[in-house]
Amino acid sequence: MQIIIFTRLLKGMGLDHTTAIDMYYRQIIAECRLPFRPSLAQTYGNQLRDFFEQKGIPNVTLTADENGHAFIDKEKHPDLYDWAVNG
């Protein structure tokens, strides 16, 4: 899916993959650095934390079994339980 989006973006700029990569390498050589500032990708755990904060779901410590399946008390945390079951 990302390749399709990338291809469409390049096509909209009048470029193909080979030309875009060539331009990228030339820019690195010209500037002696990457032409952008890299940043760390957000971890899955951080994405979940941000989601919970946005939805107003309280921070809850969960326990898990040996297979990593979390136990959520439906009575204590109905919103979290609903999200875990229904997405």
C-alpha atoms as a PDB file:
ATOM      1  CA  MET A   1       0.000   0.000   0.000  1.00  0.00           C
ATOM      2  CA  GLN A   2       2.794   2.449   0.879  1.00  0.00           C
ATOM      3  CA  ILE A   3       4.531   1.747  -2.426  1.00  0.00           C
ATOM      4  CA  ILE A   4       1.344   2.659  -4.305  1.00  0.00           C
ATOM      5  CA  ILE A   5       1.034   5.938  -2.386  1.00  0.00           C
ATOM      6  CA  PHE A   6       4.743   6.667  -2.922  1.00  0.00           C
ATOM      7  CA  THR A   7       4.427   5.959  -6.650  1.00  0.00           C
ATOM      8  CA  ARG A   8       1.410   8.253  -6.945  1.00  0.00           C
ATOM      9  CA  LEU A   9       3.186  11.060  -5.078  1.00  0.00           C
ATOM     10  CA  LEU A  10       6.250  10.775  -7.296  1.00  0.00           C
ATOM     11  CA  LYS A  11       4.134  10.620 -10.446  1.00  0.00           C
ATOM     12  CA  GLY A  12       2.352  13.790  -9.333  1.00  0.00           C
ATOM     13  CA  MET A  13       5.770  15.456  -9.135  1.00  0.00           C
ATOM     14  CA  GLY A  14       6.718  14.149 -12.572  1.00  0.00           C
ATOM     15  CA  LEU A  15       9.258  11.661 -11.169  1.00  0.00           C
ATOM     16  CA  ASP A  16       9.820   7.921 -11.216  1.00  0.00           C
ATOM     17  CA  HIS A  17      11.474   5.813  -8.493  1.00  0.00           C
ATOM     18  CA  THR A  18      14.928   5.795 -10.105  1.00  0.00           C
ATOM     19  CA  THR A  19      15.031   9.561 -10.562  1.00  0.00           C
ATOM     20  CA  ALA A  20      13.804  10.177  -7.005  1.00  0.00           C
ATOM     21  CA  ILE A  21      16.486   7.913  -5.510  1.00  0.00           C
ATOM     22  CA  ASP A  22      19.156   9.544  -7.689  1.00  0.00           C
ATOM     23  CA  MET A  23      18.037  12.996  -6.498  1.00  0.00           C
ATOM     24  CA  TYR A  24      18.089  11.787  -2.889  1.00  0.00           C
ATOM     25  CA  TYR A  25      21.681  10.516  -3.161  1.00  0.00           C
ATOM     26  CA  ARG A  26      22.840  13.680  -4.938  1.00  0.00           C
ATOM     27  CA  GLN A  27      21.340  15.795  -2.160  1.00  0.00           C
ATOM     28  CA  ILE A  28      23.179  13.744   0.491  1.00  0.00           C
ATOM     29  CA  ILE A  29      26.462  14.217  -1.387  1.00  0.00           C
ATOM     30  CA  ALA A  30      25.877  17.959  -1.897  1.00  0.00           C
ATOM     31  CA  GLU A  31      25.030  18.622   1.770  1.00  0.00           C
ATOM     32  CA  CYS A  32      27.198  15.892   3.352  1.00  0.00           C
ATOM     33  CA  ARG A  33      24.192  14.952   5.456  1.00  0.00           C
ATOM     34  CA  LEU A  34      20.692  13.526   5.164  1.00  0.00           C
ATOM     35  CA  PRO A  35      18.284  16.021   3.579  1.00  0.00           C
ATOM     36  CA  PHE A  36      15.868  15.603   6.491  1.00  0.00           C
ATOM     37  CA  ARG A  37      16.021  15.199  10.251  1.00  0.00           C
ATOM     38  CA  PRO A  38      15.342  11.589  11.261  1.00  0.00           C
ATOM     39  CA  SER A  39      13.115  10.920  14.247  1.00  0.00           C
ATOM     40  CA  LEU A  40      12.327   7.783  16.180  1.00  0.00           C
ATOM     41  CA  ALA A  41       9.151   5.983  15.217  1.00  0.00           C
ATOM     42  CA  GLN A  42       6.592   5.842  17.971  1.00  0.00           C
ATOM     43  CA  THR A  43       6.452   2.460  19.685  1.00  0.00           C
ATOM     44  CA  TYR A  44       3.233   0.471  19.851  1.00  0.00           C
ATOM     45  CA  GLY A  45       3.158   1.048  23.596  1.00  0.00           C
ATOM     46  CA  ASN A  46       3.394   4.817  23.119  1.00  0.00           C
ATOM     47  CA  GLN A  47       0.651   4.692  20.485  1.00  0.00           C
ATOM     48  CA  LEU A  48      -1.611   2.859  22.939  1.00  0.00           C
ATOM     49  CA  ARG A  49      -0.814   5.300  25.740  1.00  0.00           C
ATOM     50  CA  ASP A  50      -1.635   8.254  23.474  1.00  0.00           C
ATOM     51  CA  PHE A  51      -4.877   6.572  22.381  1.00  0.00           C
ATOM     52  CA  PHE A  52      -5.924   6.015  25.999  1.00  0.00           C
ATOM     53  CA  GLU A  53      -5.119   9.640  26.879  1.00  0.00           C
ATOM     54  CA  GLN A  54      -7.140  10.950  23.917  1.00  0.00           C
ATOM     55  CA  LYS A  55     -10.136   8.788  24.861  1.00  0.00           C
ATOM     56  CA  GLY A  56      -9.846   9.671  28.553  1.00  0.00           C
ATOM     57  CA  ILE A  57      -9.303   6.021  29.532  1.00  0.00           C
ATOM     58  CA  PRO A  58      -7.491   5.857  32.894  1.00  0.00           C
ATOM     59  CA  ASN A  59      -3.983   4.445  33.193  1.00  0.00           C
ATOM     60  CA  VAL A  60      -4.451   0.902  34.465  1.00  0.00           C
ATOM     61  CA  THR A  61      -1.874  -1.751  35.285  1.00  0.00           C
ATOM     62  CA  LEU A  62      -2.973  -5.050  33.790  1.00  0.00           C
ATOM     63  CA  THR A  63      -1.862  -8.580  34.529  1.00  0.00           C
ATOM     64  CA  ALA A  64      -1.248 -11.128  31.802  1.00  0.00           C
ATOM     65  CA  ASP A  65      -1.044 -14.890  31.546  1.00  0.00           C
ATOM     66  CA  GLU A  66       1.961 -16.826  30.243  1.00  0.00           C
ATOM     67  CA  ASN A  67       0.768 -16.268  26.663  1.00  0.00           C
ATOM     68  CA  GLY A  68       0.613 -12.493  27.074  1.00  0.00           C
ATOM     69  CA  HIS A  69      -3.189 -12.293  27.192  1.00  0.00           C
ATOM     70  CA  ALA A  70      -4.251  -9.417  29.434  1.00  0.00           C
ATOM     71  CA  PHE A  71      -6.871  -9.714  32.141  1.00  0.00           C
ATOM     72  CA  ILE A  72      -9.258  -6.753  32.324  1.00  0.00           C
ATOM     73  CA  ASP A  73     -11.846  -6.449  35.068  1.00  0.00           C
ATOM     74  CA  LYS A  74     -15.061  -5.614  33.182  1.00  0.00           C
ATOM     75  CA  GLU A  75     -16.742  -4.173  36.287  1.00  0.00           C
ATOM     76  CA  LYS A  76     -13.771  -2.015  37.294  1.00  0.00           C
ATOM     77  CA  HIS A  77     -12.778  -0.761  33.823  1.00  0.00           C
ATOM     78  CA  PRO A  78     -15.765  -1.058  31.453  1.00  0.00           C
ATOM     79  CA  ASP A  79     -14.353   1.384  28.840  1.00  0.00           C
ATOM     80  CA  LEU A  80     -11.038  -0.432  28.663  1.00  0.00           C
ATOM     81  CA  TYR A  81     -12.787  -3.802  28.526  1.00  0.00           C
ATOM     82  CA  ASP A  82     -15.051  -2.587  25.705  1.00  0.00           C
ATOM     83  CA  TRP A  83     -12.061  -1.286  23.737  1.00  0.00           C
ATOM     84  CA  ALA A  84     -10.141  -4.557  24.224  1.00  0.00           C
ATOM     85  CA  VAL A  85     -13.086  -6.665  23.081  1.00  0.00           C
ATOM     86  CA  ASN A  86     -14.564  -4.460  20.340  1.00  0.00           C
ATOM     87  CA  GLY A  87     -11.612  -2.320  19.248  1.00  0.00           C
END
